[in-house]
Amino acid sequence: MKLPLLSGLILGLFGSSQMVFGQSTLFAPLYEVLTHPRCLNCHTNTEFPRQGDDRRRHAQLVVRGPDNHGAPTLQCSACHQDRNVADDAVPGAPHWALAPLSMGWEGLTAFELCLALKDPTKNGNRSLEDLQHHMAEDELVLWGWQPGKGRSLPPLSQPEFVEALEAWVKAGGPC
């Protein structure tokens, strides 16, 4: 008898039947993708990007730089072109850069990441619809599903991710 009461209390506190113990079931698949190395390597809390599935520090000791595009003497675009090059050894997509520090997702729980995504001070002043557009259509984001040979893919296909994203946005972005 205590479990239904506790579950009801938790659901009531968070105001949605889509939540289980404080985490939205609609956000859970998004969290799995957003914390995959294809996303997280550039959404760091560090002054440098990471690379690979082991998320090691970027080779050549690349740094964030004042505009998130690398040091003035070693811009990201020096190697990262608008597409993968050198037989996919060097990944690329338009406007390759680190996400701003306000968009650093390392170490965030699903609930914290969900809140950060919806916070205009941490998401580039985007609405939920703007986030949906960015994550579903931005060529840099889409690169995550075409990373080149030897790189793992996020746990959902891009169409599955977009479907999950649309459901989350349509529900008002429950966390």
N, C-alpha and C. Protein backbone atom coordinates (compact mmCIF):
# COMPACT_ATOMS: atom_id res chain seq x y z
N MET A 1 0.82 -1.20 0.00
CA MET A 1 0.00 0.00 0.00
C MET A 1 0.85 1.25 0.00
N LYS A 2 2.07 1.19 0.54
CA LYS A 2 2.90 2.40 0.59
C LYS A 2 3.46 2.76 -0.77
N LEU A 3 3.75 1.75 -1.62
CA LEU A 3 4.34 2.03 -2.93
C LEU A 3 3.42 2.87 -3.82
N PRO A 4 2.13 2.52 -3.97
CA PRO A 4 1.28 3.41 -4.79
C PRO A 4 1.20 4.82 -4.24
N LEU A 5 1.16 4.95 -2.93
CA LEU A 5 1.11 6.28 -2.33
C LEU A 5 2.39 7.04 -2.65
N LEU A 6 3.54 6.38 -2.51
CA LEU A 6 4.82 7.02 -2.80
C LEU A 6 4.91 7.39 -4.28
N SER A 7 4.51 6.46 -5.17
CA SER A 7 4.54 6.77 -6.61
C SER A 7 3.64 7.95 -6.93
N GLY A 8 2.45 7.97 -6.34
CA GLY A 8 1.54 9.08 -6.58
C GLY A 8 2.12 10.39 -6.08
N LEU A 9 2.77 10.33 -4.94
CA LEU A 9 3.39 11.54 -4.39
C LEU A 9 4.49 12.04 -5.32
N ILE A 10 5.32 11.13 -5.79
CA ILE A 10 6.41 11.53 -6.69
C ILE A 10 5.85 12.10 -7.99
N LEU A 11 4.86 11.42 -8.57
CA LEU A 11 4.26 11.93 -9.80
C LEU A 11 3.61 13.28 -9.56
N GLY A 12 2.99 13.42 -8.43
CA GLY A 12 2.36 14.69 -8.11
C GLY A 12 3.36 15.81 -7.96
N LEU A 13 4.50 15.52 -7.34
CA LEU A 13 5.53 16.53 -7.16
C LEU A 13 6.06 17.04 -8.49
N PHE A 14 6.18 16.13 -9.43
CA PHE A 14 6.76 16.54 -10.70
C PHE A 14 5.70 16.86 -11.75
N GLY A 15 4.44 16.64 -11.43
CA GLY A 15 3.35 17.11 -12.26
C GLY A 15 3.17 16.44 -13.60
N SER A 16 3.62 15.21 -13.77
CA SER A 16 3.42 14.56 -15.06
C SER A 16 3.32 13.06 -14.88
N SER A 17 2.40 12.45 -15.62
CA SER A 17 2.32 11.00 -15.60
C SER A 17 3.43 10.39 -16.44
N GLN A 18 4.21 11.21 -17.16
CA GLN A 18 5.31 10.72 -17.98
C GLN A 18 6.58 10.52 -17.16
N MET A 19 6.53 10.79 -15.89
CA MET A 19 7.74 10.70 -15.07
C MET A 19 7.71 9.47 -14.19
N VAL A 20 8.85 8.88 -14.06
CA VAL A 20 9.03 7.76 -13.15
C VAL A 20 10.18 8.12 -12.25
N PHE A 21 9.89 8.28 -10.98
CA PHE A 21 10.90 8.62 -9.99
C PHE A 21 11.72 9.83 -10.41
N GLY A 22 11.06 10.85 -10.89
CA GLY A 22 11.73 12.11 -11.18
C GLY A 22 12.34 12.22 -12.55
N GLN A 23 12.27 11.19 -13.38
CA GLN A 23 12.84 11.31 -14.71
C GLN A 23 11.76 11.02 -15.75
N SER A 24 11.62 11.90 -16.70
CA SER A 24 10.63 11.72 -17.75
C SER A 24 11.00 10.53 -18.63
N THR A 25 10.03 9.68 -18.87
CA THR A 25 10.28 8.57 -19.79
C THR A 25 10.42 9.09 -21.22
N LEU A 26 9.90 10.27 -21.49
CA LEU A 26 10.07 10.87 -22.82
C LEU A 26 11.48 11.42 -23.00
N PHE A 27 12.12 11.83 -21.91
CA PHE A 27 13.47 12.38 -22.04
C PHE A 27 14.54 11.29 -21.99
N ALA A 28 14.25 10.16 -21.40
CA ALA A 28 15.26 9.10 -21.23
C ALA A 28 15.96 8.71 -22.54
N PRO A 29 15.24 8.48 -23.65
CA PRO A 29 15.97 8.12 -24.88
C PRO A 29 16.80 9.28 -25.42
N LEU A 30 16.36 10.51 -25.19
CA LEU A 30 17.15 11.67 -25.63
C LEU A 30 18.44 11.74 -24.82
N TYR A 31 18.33 11.47 -23.52
CA TYR A 31 19.52 11.50 -22.66
C TYR A 31 20.56 10.49 -23.14
N GLU A 32 20.10 9.33 -23.55
CA GLU A 32 21.04 8.30 -24.02
C GLU A 32 21.81 8.79 -25.25
N VAL A 33 21.15 9.51 -26.12
CA VAL A 33 21.82 10.04 -27.31
C VAL A 33 22.71 11.23 -26.94
N LEU A 34 22.18 12.15 -26.17
CA LEU A 34 22.91 13.39 -25.87
C LEU A 34 24.15 13.17 -25.02
N THR A 35 24.22 12.04 -24.34
CA THR A 35 25.42 11.74 -23.54
C THR A 35 26.31 10.71 -24.22
N HIS A 36 26.03 10.41 -25.49
CA HIS A 36 26.90 9.55 -26.27
C HIS A 36 28.15 10.37 -26.65
N PRO A 37 29.29 9.72 -26.81
CA PRO A 37 30.50 10.48 -27.17
C PRO A 37 30.37 11.35 -28.41
N ARG A 38 29.49 10.99 -29.38
CA ARG A 38 29.35 11.84 -30.57
C ARG A 38 28.85 13.23 -30.17
N CYS A 39 28.08 13.34 -29.12
CA CYS A 39 27.59 14.64 -28.66
C CYS A 39 28.47 15.20 -27.56
N LEU A 40 28.77 14.35 -26.59
CA LEU A 40 29.42 14.81 -25.37
C LEU A 40 30.86 15.28 -25.59
N ASN A 41 31.54 14.75 -26.62
CA ASN A 41 32.93 15.15 -26.83
C ASN A 41 33.08 16.65 -27.08
N CYS A 42 32.06 17.27 -27.63
CA CYS A 42 32.10 18.73 -27.85
C CYS A 42 31.23 19.50 -26.87
N HIS A 43 30.39 18.83 -26.13
CA HIS A 43 29.59 19.48 -25.07
C HIS A 43 30.29 19.23 -23.74
N THR A 44 31.54 19.67 -23.65
CA THR A 44 32.36 19.41 -22.47
C THR A 44 32.26 20.55 -21.46
N ASN A 45 32.77 20.28 -20.29
CA ASN A 45 32.93 21.32 -19.27
C ASN A 45 34.38 21.75 -19.18
N THR A 46 35.15 21.39 -20.18
CA THR A 46 36.59 21.64 -20.16
C THR A 46 36.96 22.72 -21.18
N GLU A 47 38.18 23.13 -21.12
CA GLU A 47 38.69 24.12 -22.07
C GLU A 47 39.27 23.45 -23.31
N PHE A 48 38.92 22.18 -23.50
CA PHE A 48 39.41 21.45 -24.67
C PHE A 48 38.36 20.42 -25.10
N PRO A 49 38.35 20.05 -26.37
CA PRO A 49 37.45 19.00 -26.82
C PRO A 49 38.00 17.62 -26.46
N ARG A 50 37.12 16.66 -26.53
CA ARG A 50 37.53 15.27 -26.35
C ARG A 50 37.31 14.57 -27.68
N GLN A 51 37.88 13.37 -27.79
CA GLN A 51 37.68 12.61 -29.02
C GLN A 51 37.65 11.12 -28.71
N GLY A 52 37.01 10.41 -29.62
CA GLY A 52 36.91 8.96 -29.50
C GLY A 52 35.85 8.53 -28.50
N ASP A 53 35.53 7.25 -28.56
CA ASP A 53 34.55 6.72 -27.62
C ASP A 53 35.09 6.69 -26.19
N ASP A 54 36.40 6.70 -26.04
CA ASP A 54 36.98 6.75 -24.69
C ASP A 54 37.09 8.18 -24.17
N ARG A 55 36.69 9.12 -24.99
CA ARG A 55 36.58 10.54 -24.64
C ARG A 55 37.91 11.09 -24.11
N ARG A 56 38.97 10.70 -24.77
CA ARG A 56 40.29 11.21 -24.39
C ARG A 56 40.45 12.66 -24.85
N ARG A 57 41.39 13.36 -24.24
CA ARG A 57 41.68 14.73 -24.64
C ARG A 57 42.06 14.75 -26.12
N HIS A 58 41.60 15.76 -26.82
CA HIS A 58 41.86 15.89 -28.25
C HIS A 58 43.37 15.92 -28.51
N ALA A 59 43.79 15.23 -29.55
CA ALA A 59 45.19 15.23 -29.94
C ALA A 59 45.63 16.66 -30.28
N GLN A 60 46.88 16.87 -30.35
CA GLN A 60 47.51 18.18 -30.62
C GLN A 60 47.21 19.20 -29.52
N LEU A 61 46.67 18.72 -28.40
CA LEU A 61 46.34 19.61 -27.27
C LEU A 61 45.50 20.81 -27.72
N VAL A 62 44.54 20.54 -28.58
CA VAL A 62 43.61 21.58 -29.05
C VAL A 62 42.90 22.18 -27.84
N VAL A 63 42.67 23.49 -27.89
CA VAL A 63 41.98 24.19 -26.80
C VAL A 63 40.73 24.89 -27.32
N ARG A 64 39.87 25.24 -26.38
CA ARG A 64 38.58 25.86 -26.70
C ARG A 64 38.75 27.19 -27.46
N GLY A 65 39.58 28.06 -26.94
CA GLY A 65 39.75 29.38 -27.54
C GLY A 65 38.64 30.33 -27.13
N PRO A 66 38.81 31.62 -27.43
CA PRO A 66 37.86 32.64 -26.95
C PRO A 66 36.46 32.53 -27.55
N ASP A 67 36.34 31.93 -28.72
CA ASP A 67 35.02 31.84 -29.37
C ASP A 67 34.55 30.40 -29.58
N ASN A 68 35.16 29.46 -28.87
CA ASN A 68 34.82 28.03 -28.96
C ASN A 68 35.24 27.39 -30.28
N HIS A 69 36.06 28.08 -31.06
CA HIS A 69 36.52 27.56 -32.36
C HIS A 69 38.01 27.27 -32.35
N GLY A 70 38.60 27.13 -31.17
CA GLY A 70 40.01 26.84 -31.09
C GLY A 70 40.84 28.07 -30.80
N ALA A 71 42.13 27.85 -30.59
CA ALA A 71 43.05 28.96 -30.37
C ALA A 71 43.20 29.76 -31.66
N PRO A 72 43.50 31.05 -31.54
CA PRO A 72 43.66 31.85 -32.77
C PRO A 72 44.66 31.23 -33.76
N THR A 73 45.65 30.54 -33.23
CA THR A 73 46.65 29.95 -34.12
C THR A 73 46.35 28.52 -34.51
N LEU A 74 45.28 27.94 -33.95
CA LEU A 74 44.88 26.58 -34.31
C LEU A 74 43.36 26.47 -34.21
N GLN A 75 42.69 27.04 -35.21
CA GLN A 75 41.24 27.00 -35.27
C GLN A 75 40.75 25.58 -35.62
N CYS A 76 39.59 25.22 -35.12
CA CYS A 76 39.01 23.90 -35.42
C CYS A 76 38.97 23.66 -36.93
N SER A 77 38.63 24.72 -37.67
CA SER A 77 38.47 24.58 -39.12
C SER A 77 39.79 24.31 -39.84
N ALA A 78 40.91 24.41 -39.13
CA ALA A 78 42.19 24.09 -39.77
C ALA A 78 42.20 22.62 -40.19
N CYS A 79 41.54 21.78 -39.42
CA CYS A 79 41.47 20.35 -39.75
C CYS A 79 40.05 19.92 -40.11
N HIS A 80 39.07 20.41 -39.36
CA HIS A 80 37.68 19.97 -39.55
C HIS A 80 37.01 20.79 -40.64
N GLN A 81 36.83 20.16 -41.78
CA GLN A 81 36.19 20.81 -42.92
C GLN A 81 34.67 20.65 -42.82
N ASP A 82 33.95 20.97 -43.87
CA ASP A 82 32.49 20.86 -43.87
C ASP A 82 32.00 19.42 -43.99
N ARG A 83 32.92 18.50 -44.19
CA ARG A 83 32.56 17.07 -44.27
C ARG A 83 33.77 16.26 -43.82
N ASN A 84 33.55 14.99 -43.56
CA ASN A 84 34.64 14.11 -43.18
C ASN A 84 35.66 14.08 -44.33
N VAL A 85 36.93 14.11 -43.98
CA VAL A 85 37.98 14.08 -45.01
C VAL A 85 39.05 13.06 -44.61
N ALA A 86 40.01 12.89 -45.49
CA ALA A 86 41.13 11.97 -45.27
C ALA A 86 40.59 10.56 -44.95
N ASP A 87 39.70 10.10 -45.86
CA ASP A 87 39.09 8.77 -45.68
C ASP A 87 38.43 8.64 -44.31
N ASP A 88 37.76 9.67 -43.90
CA ASP A 88 37.01 9.74 -42.64
C ASP A 88 37.90 9.84 -41.40
N ALA A 89 39.20 9.94 -41.56
CA ALA A 89 40.09 10.05 -40.40
C ALA A 89 39.86 11.37 -39.65
N VAL A 90 39.50 12.40 -40.39
CA VAL A 90 39.23 13.70 -39.77
C VAL A 90 37.75 14.01 -39.96
N PRO A 91 36.99 14.01 -38.87
CA PRO A 91 35.56 14.28 -39.01
C PRO A 91 35.30 15.74 -39.35
N GLY A 92 34.17 15.97 -40.00
CA GLY A 92 33.85 17.34 -40.35
C GLY A 92 32.37 17.57 -40.60
N ALA A 93 31.95 18.79 -40.35
CA ALA A 93 30.58 19.25 -40.60
C ALA A 93 30.64 20.77 -40.56
N PRO A 94 29.66 21.42 -41.18
CA PRO A 94 29.66 22.89 -41.15
C PRO A 94 29.67 23.44 -39.72
N HIS A 95 30.36 24.53 -39.55
CA HIS A 95 30.55 25.30 -38.30
C HIS A 95 31.01 24.42 -37.13
N TRP A 96 31.98 23.57 -37.40
CA TRP A 96 32.56 22.69 -36.38
C TRP A 96 33.14 23.54 -35.25
N ALA A 97 32.77 23.24 -34.02
CA ALA A 97 33.27 23.99 -32.86
C ALA A 97 32.84 23.28 -31.60
N LEU A 98 33.43 23.69 -30.51
CA LEU A 98 32.95 23.24 -29.20
C LEU A 98 31.66 23.98 -28.87
N ALA A 99 30.78 23.30 -28.17
CA ALA A 99 29.61 23.99 -27.64
C ALA A 99 30.09 24.95 -26.55
N PRO A 100 29.43 26.09 -26.38
CA PRO A 100 29.82 27.01 -25.30
C PRO A 100 29.81 26.29 -23.95
N LEU A 101 30.60 26.77 -23.02
CA LEU A 101 30.67 26.15 -21.69
C LEU A 101 29.30 26.06 -21.02
N SER A 102 28.42 27.03 -21.31
CA SER A 102 27.07 26.97 -20.73
C SER A 102 26.30 25.74 -21.21
N MET A 103 26.78 25.14 -22.29
CA MET A 103 26.15 23.93 -22.83
C MET A 103 26.97 22.69 -22.52
N GLY A 104 27.82 22.78 -21.52
CA GLY A 104 28.59 21.61 -21.10
C GLY A 104 27.69 20.62 -20.38
N TRP A 105 27.66 19.41 -20.86
CA TRP A 105 26.73 18.41 -20.33
C TRP A 105 27.41 17.34 -19.50
N GLU A 106 28.74 17.36 -19.44
CA GLU A 106 29.44 16.32 -18.70
C GLU A 106 28.99 16.29 -17.25
N GLY A 107 28.73 15.09 -16.76
CA GLY A 107 28.40 14.91 -15.35
C GLY A 107 26.98 15.22 -14.97
N LEU A 108 26.16 15.69 -15.91
CA LEU A 108 24.78 16.01 -15.57
C LEU A 108 23.93 14.74 -15.57
N THR A 109 23.04 14.67 -14.60
CA THR A 109 22.06 13.59 -14.60
C THR A 109 21.05 13.87 -15.70
N ALA A 110 20.20 12.91 -15.98
CA ALA A 110 19.17 13.13 -17.00
C ALA A 110 18.29 14.31 -16.63
N PHE A 111 17.93 14.39 -15.37
CA PHE A 111 17.07 15.49 -14.93
C PHE A 111 17.79 16.83 -15.10
N GLU A 112 19.07 16.89 -14.70
CA GLU A 112 19.83 18.13 -14.82
C GLU A 112 20.03 18.53 -16.29
N LEU A 113 20.31 17.56 -17.14
CA LEU A 113 20.50 17.87 -18.56
C LEU A 113 19.19 18.37 -19.17
N CYS A 114 18.11 17.74 -18.81
CA CYS A 114 16.79 18.17 -19.32
C CYS A 114 16.53 19.63 -18.92
N LEU A 115 16.78 19.94 -17.66
CA LEU A 115 16.57 21.33 -17.20
C LEU A 115 17.50 22.29 -17.93
N ALA A 116 18.76 21.89 -18.11
CA ALA A 116 19.72 22.75 -18.80
C ALA A 116 19.30 22.99 -20.25
N LEU A 117 18.78 21.95 -20.90
CA LEU A 117 18.34 22.11 -22.29
C LEU A 117 17.23 23.14 -22.41
N LYS A 118 16.40 23.22 -21.40
CA LYS A 118 15.25 24.13 -21.46
C LYS A 118 15.56 25.53 -20.93
N ASP A 119 16.73 25.69 -20.32
CA ASP A 119 17.11 26.97 -19.73
C ASP A 119 17.72 27.88 -20.81
N PRO A 120 17.05 28.97 -21.19
CA PRO A 120 17.58 29.84 -22.24
C PRO A 120 18.99 30.38 -21.96
N THR A 121 19.37 30.47 -20.68
CA THR A 121 20.73 30.94 -20.37
C THR A 121 21.77 29.85 -20.61
N LYS A 122 21.30 28.62 -20.82
CA LYS A 122 22.23 27.51 -21.04
C LYS A 122 22.03 26.82 -22.39
N ASN A 123 21.08 27.28 -23.18
CA ASN A 123 20.81 26.61 -24.45
C ASN A 123 20.91 27.53 -25.66
N GLY A 124 21.55 28.68 -25.49
CA GLY A 124 21.66 29.60 -26.62
C GLY A 124 20.38 30.38 -26.86
N ASN A 125 19.60 30.55 -25.80
CA ASN A 125 18.33 31.32 -25.87
C ASN A 125 17.33 30.68 -26.83
N ARG A 126 17.24 29.36 -26.75
CA ARG A 126 16.35 28.62 -27.65
C ARG A 126 15.07 28.20 -26.94
N SER A 127 13.96 28.24 -27.67
CA SER A 127 12.70 27.67 -27.21
C SER A 127 12.76 26.16 -27.44
N LEU A 128 11.77 25.44 -26.96
CA LEU A 128 11.72 24.00 -27.23
C LEU A 128 11.68 23.74 -28.74
N GLU A 129 10.94 24.54 -29.45
CA GLU A 129 10.84 24.37 -30.90
C GLU A 129 12.18 24.67 -31.58
N ASP A 130 12.88 25.69 -31.06
CA ASP A 130 14.22 25.99 -31.59
C ASP A 130 15.17 24.81 -31.33
N LEU A 131 15.08 24.21 -30.13
CA LEU A 131 15.91 23.05 -29.82
C LEU A 131 15.60 21.90 -30.78
N GLN A 132 14.31 21.69 -31.01
CA GLN A 132 13.91 20.62 -31.92
C GLN A 132 14.51 20.85 -33.31
N HIS A 133 14.40 22.07 -33.79
CA HIS A 133 14.96 22.40 -35.10
C HIS A 133 16.47 22.17 -35.10
N HIS A 134 17.16 22.67 -34.07
CA HIS A 134 18.62 22.51 -33.99
C HIS A 134 19.01 21.03 -33.97
N MET A 135 18.38 20.25 -33.12
CA MET A 135 18.79 18.85 -32.96
C MET A 135 18.32 17.96 -34.10
N ALA A 136 17.31 18.39 -34.83
CA ALA A 136 16.80 17.56 -35.93
C ALA A 136 17.37 17.95 -37.29
N GLU A 137 17.87 19.22 -37.41
CA GLU A 137 18.23 19.68 -38.74
C GLU A 137 19.63 20.27 -38.88
N ASP A 138 20.25 20.67 -37.79
CA ASP A 138 21.58 21.29 -37.88
C ASP A 138 22.58 20.25 -38.41
N GLU A 139 23.32 20.63 -39.43
CA GLU A 139 24.26 19.69 -40.05
C GLU A 139 25.33 19.20 -39.09
N LEU A 140 25.71 20.03 -38.14
CA LEU A 140 26.71 19.60 -37.15
C LEU A 140 26.12 18.50 -36.26
N VAL A 141 24.88 18.65 -35.86
CA VAL A 141 24.23 17.61 -35.05
C VAL A 141 24.03 16.35 -35.89
N LEU A 142 23.61 16.52 -37.13
CA LEU A 142 23.38 15.36 -38.00
C LEU A 142 24.65 14.57 -38.26
N TRP A 143 25.80 15.23 -38.17
CA TRP A 143 27.07 14.54 -38.35
C TRP A 143 27.18 13.36 -37.38
N GLY A 144 26.59 13.48 -36.21
CA GLY A 144 26.68 12.42 -35.20
C GLY A 144 26.22 11.07 -35.71
N TRP A 145 25.39 11.06 -36.75
CA TRP A 145 24.92 9.79 -37.32
C TRP A 145 25.66 9.43 -38.59
N GLN A 146 26.62 10.29 -38.98
CA GLN A 146 27.46 9.98 -40.13
C GLN A 146 28.90 10.38 -39.76
N PRO A 147 29.41 9.78 -38.68
CA PRO A 147 30.70 10.23 -38.16
C PRO A 147 31.91 9.69 -38.91
N GLY A 148 31.70 8.80 -39.83
CA GLY A 148 32.85 8.25 -40.55
C GLY A 148 33.27 6.91 -39.98
N LYS A 149 34.14 6.26 -40.73
CA LYS A 149 34.58 4.92 -40.35
C LYS A 149 35.22 4.90 -38.97
N GLY A 150 34.92 3.83 -38.24
CA GLY A 150 35.59 3.62 -36.96
C GLY A 150 34.99 4.37 -35.79
N ARG A 151 33.91 5.10 -36.02
CA ARG A 151 33.28 5.83 -34.91
C ARG A 151 31.91 5.22 -34.64
N SER A 152 31.60 5.04 -33.38
CA SER A 152 30.31 4.45 -33.01
C SER A 152 29.18 5.44 -33.24
N LEU A 153 27.99 4.89 -33.35
CA LEU A 153 26.80 5.71 -33.56
C LEU A 153 26.02 5.85 -32.25
N PRO A 154 25.25 6.91 -32.11
CA PRO A 154 24.37 7.05 -30.94
C PRO A 154 23.41 5.87 -30.86
N PRO A 155 22.86 5.62 -29.69
CA PRO A 155 22.02 4.42 -29.50
C PRO A 155 20.70 4.43 -30.27
N LEU A 156 20.23 5.57 -30.73
CA LEU A 156 19.03 5.63 -31.57
C LEU A 156 19.45 6.07 -32.97
N SER A 157 18.73 5.60 -33.98
CA SER A 157 18.97 6.12 -35.33
C SER A 157 18.52 7.59 -35.34
N GLN A 158 18.93 8.33 -36.36
CA GLN A 158 18.55 9.74 -36.43
C GLN A 158 17.02 9.87 -36.53
N PRO A 159 16.32 9.07 -37.38
CA PRO A 159 14.85 9.18 -37.39
C PRO A 159 14.22 8.82 -36.04
N GLU A 160 14.76 7.83 -35.35
CA GLU A 160 14.22 7.47 -34.03
C GLU A 160 14.45 8.61 -33.04
N PHE A 161 15.61 9.24 -33.13
CA PHE A 161 15.91 10.36 -32.25
C PHE A 161 14.94 11.51 -32.51
N VAL A 162 14.72 11.83 -33.77
CA VAL A 162 13.81 12.92 -34.11
C VAL A 162 12.39 12.60 -33.62
N GLU A 163 11.98 11.37 -33.78
CA GLU A 163 10.65 10.97 -33.31
C GLU A 163 10.54 11.16 -31.79
N ALA A 164 11.57 10.71 -31.07
CA ALA A 164 11.57 10.87 -29.60
C ALA A 164 11.63 12.34 -29.22
N LEU A 165 12.40 13.12 -29.96
CA LEU A 165 12.51 14.55 -29.71
C LEU A 165 11.17 15.25 -29.91
N GLU A 166 10.50 14.92 -30.99
CA GLU A 166 9.19 15.52 -31.28
C GLU A 166 8.19 15.20 -30.17
N ALA A 167 8.21 13.96 -29.69
CA ALA A 167 7.29 13.57 -28.62
C ALA A 167 7.58 14.35 -27.35
N TRP A 168 8.87 14.52 -27.05
CA TRP A 168 9.27 15.28 -25.85
C TRP A 168 8.85 16.75 -25.96
N VAL A 169 9.11 17.35 -27.11
CA VAL A 169 8.74 18.76 -27.32
C VAL A 169 7.22 18.91 -27.28
N LYS A 170 6.52 18.03 -27.94
CA LYS A 170 5.05 18.11 -27.99
C LYS A 170 4.44 18.01 -26.60
N ALA A 171 5.10 17.25 -25.71
CA ALA A 171 4.62 17.10 -24.33
C ALA A 171 5.03 18.27 -23.45
N GLY A 172 5.76 19.23 -24.00
CA GLY A 172 6.17 20.39 -23.22
C GLY A 172 7.53 20.24 -22.57
N GLY A 173 8.31 19.23 -22.97
CA GLY A 173 9.66 19.04 -22.46
C GLY A 173 9.72 18.57 -21.02
N PRO A 174 8.96 17.53 -20.67
CA PRO A 174 9.01 17.06 -19.27
C PRO A 174 10.38 16.52 -18.90
N CYS A 175 10.77 16.84 -17.68
CA CYS A 175 12.06 16.36 -17.17
C CYS A 175 11.85 15.25 -16.16
